[in-house]
Amino acid sequence: MSNTNPSRNPRLLLVFRLPEKPSRYRVSVWRRLKAAGAQVVRRALFILPDTPLNRLRAADLTHDVENWGGEAWIFAGGLITPIFRPKPGGFRRVTVEETRTTSVVDRRRRAKRS
């Protein structure tokens, strides 16, 4: 049985954006987060257990990211569980013309039919 009580499984979500060059800054952040036991969600999106030490680490990383010309955000919350997980190949690129001529509802209806 999974733990669904958010207060018993708190997490930190760290999101950051850094300039493309030099890459050593992104590598430094990635290595420090991996050493802290962070789970990589996307290239610049990490989940950490919400502990006092990890809050300090996240604040330190945020400070460094901002000094390197980037931006960083820390979110604290309970259990982080995806509420929607698409099937493989479930997403597709939408052209600019489609976004101008059709609504989101129309695109969803067409996607369900195919």
Protein backbone atom coordinates (compact mmCIF):
# COMPACT_ATOMS: atom_id res chain seq x y z
CA MET A 1 0.00 0.00 0.00
CA SER A 2 1.41 3.40 -0.96
CA ASN A 3 1.83 6.25 1.45
CA THR A 4 -0.83 8.85 0.59
CA ASN A 5 -0.42 11.05 3.65
CA PRO A 6 1.45 14.14 2.37
CA SER A 7 2.68 15.14 5.83
CA ARG A 8 4.51 11.81 6.20
CA ASN A 9 6.40 12.08 2.91
CA PRO A 10 7.43 15.73 2.43
CA ARG A 11 9.48 16.67 -0.62
CA LEU A 12 11.39 19.63 -2.00
CA LEU A 13 11.14 20.43 -5.67
CA LEU A 14 14.08 22.38 -7.08
CA VAL A 15 13.77 24.00 -10.49
CA PHE A 16 16.57 26.02 -12.01
CA ARG A 17 17.59 27.71 -15.24
CA LEU A 18 21.17 28.58 -16.11
CA PRO A 19 22.79 30.16 -19.16
CA GLU A 20 23.83 27.59 -21.76
CA LYS A 21 27.52 28.44 -21.47
CA PRO A 22 29.65 27.71 -19.56
CA SER A 23 28.25 24.23 -18.96
CA ARG A 24 30.36 23.68 -15.83
CA TYR A 25 27.72 25.48 -13.74
CA ARG A 26 24.95 23.08 -14.77
CA VAL A 27 27.27 20.12 -14.21
CA SER A 28 28.17 21.44 -10.75
CA VAL A 29 24.50 21.76 -9.77
CA TRP A 30 23.71 18.31 -11.16
CA ARG A 31 26.59 16.66 -9.29
CA ARG A 32 25.72 18.34 -6.01
CA LEU A 33 22.07 17.33 -6.26
CA LYS A 34 22.92 13.74 -7.20
CA ALA A 35 25.28 13.57 -4.21
CA ALA A 36 22.39 14.74 -2.02
CA GLY A 37 20.22 11.89 -3.30
CA ALA A 38 18.00 13.97 -5.56
CA GLN A 39 15.83 12.30 -8.16
CA VAL A 40 16.01 13.82 -11.63
CA VAL A 41 12.60 14.53 -13.14
CA ARG A 42 13.79 16.60 -16.10
CA ARG A 43 17.05 18.27 -17.03
CA ALA A 44 16.61 21.11 -14.51
CA LEU A 45 13.92 19.67 -12.23
CA PHE A 46 14.87 17.67 -9.15
CA ILE A 47 13.02 16.16 -6.17
CA LEU A 48 14.65 15.84 -2.75
CA PRO A 49 13.37 14.61 0.62
CA ASP A 50 12.38 17.64 2.69
CA THR A 51 14.95 17.61 5.49
CA PRO A 52 16.70 20.53 7.20
CA LEU A 53 19.98 19.55 5.51
CA ASN A 54 18.37 19.38 2.06
CA ARG A 55 16.67 22.75 2.62
CA LEU A 56 20.10 24.20 3.37
CA ARG A 57 21.60 22.51 0.30
CA ALA A 58 18.77 23.81 -1.92
CA ALA A 59 19.16 27.34 -0.57
CA ASP A 60 22.93 27.16 -1.17
CA LEU A 61 22.40 25.90 -4.73
CA THR A 62 19.81 28.62 -5.37
CA HIS A 63 22.30 31.24 -4.23
CA ASP A 64 25.01 29.82 -6.53
CA VAL A 65 22.65 29.55 -9.52
CA GLU A 66 21.64 33.19 -9.12
CA ASN A 67 25.32 34.25 -8.82
CA TRP A 68 26.02 32.39 -12.08
CA GLY A 69 23.36 34.42 -13.90
CA GLY A 70 20.51 31.94 -13.62
CA GLU A 71 17.25 31.56 -11.75
CA ALA A 72 16.18 28.93 -9.23
CA TRP A 73 12.99 28.09 -7.37
CA ILE A 74 12.41 25.83 -4.38
CA PHE A 75 8.96 24.39 -3.70
CA ALA A 76 8.12 22.47 -0.54
CA GLY A 77 5.16 20.18 -0.31
CA GLY A 78 3.78 16.82 0.57
CA LEU A 79 3.74 13.70 -1.50
CA ILE A 80 4.59 14.45 -5.12
CA THR A 81 2.77 11.98 -7.33
CA PRO A 82 2.03 12.35 -11.02
CA ILE A 83 -1.71 12.65 -11.58
CA PHE A 84 -1.39 12.06 -15.31
CA ARG A 85 1.13 9.86 -17.04
CA PRO A 86 0.77 9.72 -20.82
CA LYS A 87 1.23 6.51 -22.74
CA PRO A 88 4.50 6.23 -24.67
CA GLY A 89 4.14 8.37 -27.73
CA GLY A 90 1.13 10.06 -26.14
CA PHE A 91 2.41 13.56 -26.76
CA ARG A 92 2.97 14.99 -30.19
CA ARG A 93 4.26 18.28 -31.49
CA VAL A 94 1.58 20.79 -32.40
CA THR A 95 2.21 23.19 -35.24
CA VAL A 96 1.81 26.93 -34.85
CA GLU A 97 -1.03 26.84 -37.40
CA GLU A 98 -2.92 24.29 -35.30
CA THR A 99 -2.71 26.42 -32.18
CA ARG A 100 -4.14 29.39 -34.06
CA THR A 101 -6.98 27.57 -35.77
CA THR A 102 -8.17 25.00 -33.26
CA SER A 103 -9.03 25.01 -29.62
CA VAL A 104 -7.56 22.70 -26.99
CA VAL A 105 -10.90 20.87 -26.79
CA ASP A 106 -10.90 20.23 -30.55
CA ARG A 107 -7.36 18.84 -30.43
CA ARG A 108 -8.26 16.53 -27.52
CA ARG A 109 -11.32 15.22 -29.37
CA ARG A 110 -9.23 14.46 -32.45
CA ALA A 111 -6.56 12.77 -30.36
CA LYS A 112 -9.17 10.50 -28.73
CA ARG A 113 -10.51 9.42 -32.12
CA SER A 114 -7.07 8.36 -33.40
